[in-house]
Amino acid sequence: MAVEVRVLENFGQEATLRKKWLKMWETLGVRILKLPKWMQDIVLEDVNTAIRNRIATMEMIQNANRKN
């Protein structure tokens, strides 16, 4: 029973996080789309690079913590 509750809690947390992400990207998207195409390309590349780097850093921290 506890496992089922935990799965549902995680599902709820994931759904909340997805909703938060979608709202954030919708807000940013509106602003980005107001820029000229060449600026949009720069911003999107910057965002892509920043997110990839942040995720890689967090994964390294997570992996280091698992070893300890």
N, C-alpha and C. Protein backbone atom coordinates (compact mmCIF):
# COMPACT_ATOMS: atom_id res chain seq x y z
N MET A 1 0.82 -1.19 0.00
CA MET A 1 0.00 0.00 0.00
C MET A 1 0.87 1.26 0.00
N ALA A 2 1.91 1.28 0.81
CA ALA A 2 2.78 2.45 0.90
C ALA A 2 3.46 2.73 -0.44
N VAL A 3 3.80 1.66 -1.15
CA VAL A 3 4.44 1.83 -2.46
C VAL A 3 3.48 2.52 -3.42
N GLU A 4 2.22 2.11 -3.41
CA GLU A 4 1.23 2.72 -4.30
C GLU A 4 1.06 4.20 -3.99
N VAL A 5 1.01 4.55 -2.71
CA VAL A 5 0.86 5.95 -2.32
C VAL A 5 2.07 6.75 -2.78
N ARG A 6 3.27 6.21 -2.59
CA ARG A 6 4.49 6.90 -2.99
C ARG A 6 4.51 7.14 -4.50
N VAL A 7 4.08 6.14 -5.27
CA VAL A 7 4.02 6.29 -6.73
C VAL A 7 3.07 7.42 -7.09
N LEU A 8 1.91 7.47 -6.45
CA LEU A 8 0.95 8.53 -6.73
C LEU A 8 1.49 9.89 -6.32
N GLU A 9 2.20 9.95 -5.18
CA GLU A 9 2.80 11.21 -4.76
C GLU A 9 3.82 11.68 -5.79
N ASN A 10 4.67 10.76 -6.25
CA ASN A 10 5.67 11.12 -7.25
C ASN A 10 5.01 11.56 -8.55
N PHE A 11 3.93 10.90 -8.91
CA PHE A 11 3.20 11.29 -10.12
C PHE A 11 2.66 12.70 -9.98
N GLY A 12 2.11 13.02 -8.81
CA GLY A 12 1.59 14.36 -8.56
C GLY A 12 2.68 15.41 -8.60
N GLN A 13 3.82 15.07 -8.02
CA GLN A 13 4.96 16.00 -8.03
C GLN A 13 5.46 16.22 -9.45
N GLU A 14 5.53 15.13 -10.22
CA GLU A 14 5.99 15.24 -11.61
C GLU A 14 5.02 16.07 -12.43
N ALA A 15 3.72 15.86 -12.23
CA ALA A 15 2.71 16.63 -12.96
C ALA A 15 2.81 18.11 -12.61
N THR A 16 3.03 18.41 -11.34
CA THR A 16 3.17 19.80 -10.90
C THR A 16 4.40 20.44 -11.53
N LEU A 17 5.50 19.69 -11.54
CA LEU A 17 6.73 20.20 -12.14
C LEU A 17 6.57 20.44 -13.63
N ARG A 18 5.92 19.51 -14.33
CA ARG A 18 5.67 19.68 -15.77
C ARG A 18 4.83 20.93 -16.03
N LYS A 19 3.81 21.12 -15.21
CA LYS A 19 2.95 22.29 -15.37
C LYS A 19 3.75 23.57 -15.19
N LYS A 20 4.64 23.57 -14.20
CA LYS A 20 5.49 24.72 -13.92
C LYS A 20 6.42 25.00 -15.11
N TRP A 21 7.02 23.93 -15.67
CA TRP A 21 7.91 24.07 -16.83
C TRP A 21 7.14 24.65 -18.02
N LEU A 22 5.97 24.10 -18.29
CA LEU A 22 5.20 24.56 -19.44
C LEU A 22 4.83 26.03 -19.31
N LYS A 23 4.44 26.44 -18.11
CA LYS A 23 4.08 27.84 -17.89
C LYS A 23 5.30 28.74 -18.09
N MET A 24 6.45 28.31 -17.57
CA MET A 24 7.67 29.08 -17.71
C MET A 24 8.05 29.24 -19.19
N TRP A 25 8.01 28.13 -19.94
CA TRP A 25 8.39 28.18 -21.35
C TRP A 25 7.38 28.98 -22.17
N GLU A 26 6.11 28.92 -21.79
CA GLU A 26 5.10 29.71 -22.49
C GLU A 26 5.39 31.20 -22.32
N THR A 27 5.70 31.60 -21.09
CA THR A 27 6.01 33.01 -20.81
C THR A 27 7.27 33.45 -21.55
N LEU A 28 8.31 32.63 -21.48
CA LEU A 28 9.55 32.97 -22.18
C LEU A 28 9.35 32.97 -23.69
N GLY A 29 8.58 32.00 -24.17
CA GLY A 29 8.34 31.90 -25.61
C GLY A 29 7.69 33.14 -26.18
N VAL A 30 6.73 33.69 -25.46
CA VAL A 30 6.06 34.92 -25.91
C VAL A 30 7.08 36.04 -26.07
N ARG A 31 7.96 36.17 -25.10
CA ARG A 31 8.97 37.23 -25.16
C ARG A 31 9.99 36.97 -26.27
N ILE A 32 10.43 35.72 -26.38
CA ILE A 32 11.43 35.38 -27.40
C ILE A 32 10.88 35.62 -28.80
N LEU A 33 9.62 35.26 -29.02
CA LEU A 33 9.02 35.41 -30.34
C LEU A 33 8.85 36.87 -30.76
N LYS A 34 8.93 37.80 -29.83
CA LYS A 34 8.86 39.22 -30.16
C LYS A 34 10.18 39.75 -30.70
N LEU A 35 11.25 38.96 -30.52
CA LEU A 35 12.57 39.38 -30.99
C LEU A 35 12.73 39.04 -32.47
N PRO A 36 13.66 39.72 -33.15
CA PRO A 36 13.97 39.35 -34.53
C PRO A 36 14.51 37.91 -34.57
N LYS A 37 14.36 37.27 -35.71
CA LYS A 37 14.75 35.85 -35.86
C LYS A 37 16.19 35.60 -35.44
N TRP A 38 17.11 36.47 -35.84
CA TRP A 38 18.51 36.23 -35.52
C TRP A 38 18.76 36.29 -34.01
N MET A 39 18.01 37.15 -33.31
CA MET A 39 18.14 37.22 -31.85
C MET A 39 17.50 35.99 -31.20
N GLN A 40 16.39 35.53 -31.76
CA GLN A 40 15.76 34.31 -31.25
C GLN A 40 16.74 33.15 -31.30
N ASP A 41 17.44 33.03 -32.42
CA ASP A 41 18.41 31.94 -32.57
C ASP A 41 19.51 32.02 -31.50
N ILE A 42 19.99 33.21 -31.23
CA ILE A 42 21.03 33.40 -30.22
C ILE A 42 20.50 33.03 -28.83
N VAL A 43 19.32 33.54 -28.49
CA VAL A 43 18.74 33.26 -27.17
C VAL A 43 18.50 31.76 -26.99
N LEU A 44 17.93 31.12 -27.99
CA LEU A 44 17.64 29.69 -27.88
C LEU A 44 18.92 28.86 -27.75
N GLU A 45 19.95 29.23 -28.47
CA GLU A 45 21.24 28.53 -28.35
C GLU A 45 21.83 28.75 -26.96
N ASP A 46 21.74 29.98 -26.45
CA ASP A 46 22.23 30.27 -25.09
C ASP A 46 21.48 29.45 -24.04
N VAL A 47 20.16 29.40 -24.18
CA VAL A 47 19.34 28.64 -23.23
C VAL A 47 19.69 27.16 -23.29
N ASN A 48 19.83 26.64 -24.49
CA ASN A 48 20.17 25.24 -24.68
C ASN A 48 21.52 24.92 -24.02
N THR A 49 22.50 25.76 -24.26
CA THR A 49 23.83 25.56 -23.67
C THR A 49 23.78 25.65 -22.15
N ALA A 50 23.09 26.64 -21.63
CA ALA A 50 23.00 26.83 -20.18
C ALA A 50 22.33 25.64 -19.50
N ILE A 51 21.25 25.15 -20.09
CA ILE A 51 20.53 24.03 -19.48
C ILE A 51 21.37 22.76 -19.55
N ARG A 52 21.98 22.49 -20.69
CA ARG A 52 22.84 21.30 -20.81
C ARG A 52 23.97 21.33 -19.79
N ASN A 53 24.61 22.49 -19.63
CA ASN A 53 25.71 22.62 -18.67
C ASN A 53 25.22 22.45 -17.24
N ARG A 54 24.07 23.03 -16.92
CA ARG A 54 23.53 22.91 -15.56
C ARG A 54 23.19 21.46 -15.24
N ILE A 55 22.55 20.77 -16.19
CA ILE A 55 22.19 19.36 -15.96
C ILE A 55 23.45 18.52 -15.79
N ALA A 56 24.47 18.75 -16.63
CA ALA A 56 25.72 17.99 -16.51
C ALA A 56 26.36 18.21 -15.14
N THR A 57 26.35 19.45 -14.67
CA THR A 57 26.91 19.77 -13.35
C THR A 57 26.14 19.06 -12.25
N MET A 58 24.82 19.12 -12.31
CA MET A 58 23.99 18.46 -11.30
C MET A 58 24.18 16.94 -11.31
N GLU A 59 24.33 16.37 -12.51
CA GLU A 59 24.57 14.92 -12.61
C GLU A 59 25.92 14.55 -12.00
N MET A 60 26.94 15.39 -12.21
CA MET A 60 28.25 15.13 -11.59
C MET A 60 28.15 15.18 -10.08
N ILE A 61 27.42 16.16 -9.55
CA ILE A 61 27.24 16.26 -8.10
C ILE A 61 26.48 15.04 -7.58
N GLN A 62 25.44 14.65 -8.28
CA GLN A 62 24.64 13.50 -7.86
C GLN A 62 25.49 12.23 -7.87
N ASN A 63 26.30 12.04 -8.92
CA ASN A 63 27.15 10.87 -9.01
C ASN A 63 28.23 10.87 -7.93
N ALA A 64 28.78 12.03 -7.62
CA ALA A 64 29.78 12.13 -6.56
C ALA A 64 29.17 11.80 -5.21
N ASN A 65 27.95 12.23 -4.97
CA ASN A 65 27.27 11.94 -3.71
C ASN A 65 26.95 10.46 -3.56
N ARG A 66 26.69 9.77 -4.65
CA ARG A 66 26.40 8.34 -4.60
C ARG A 66 27.64 7.55 -4.20
N LYS A 67 28.80 8.01 -4.61
CA LYS A 67 30.05 7.30 -4.30
C LYS A 67 30.42 7.45 -2.83
N ASN A 68 29.97 8.53 -2.20
CA ASN A 68 30.31 8.77 -0.78
C ASN A 68 29.38 8.07 0.16
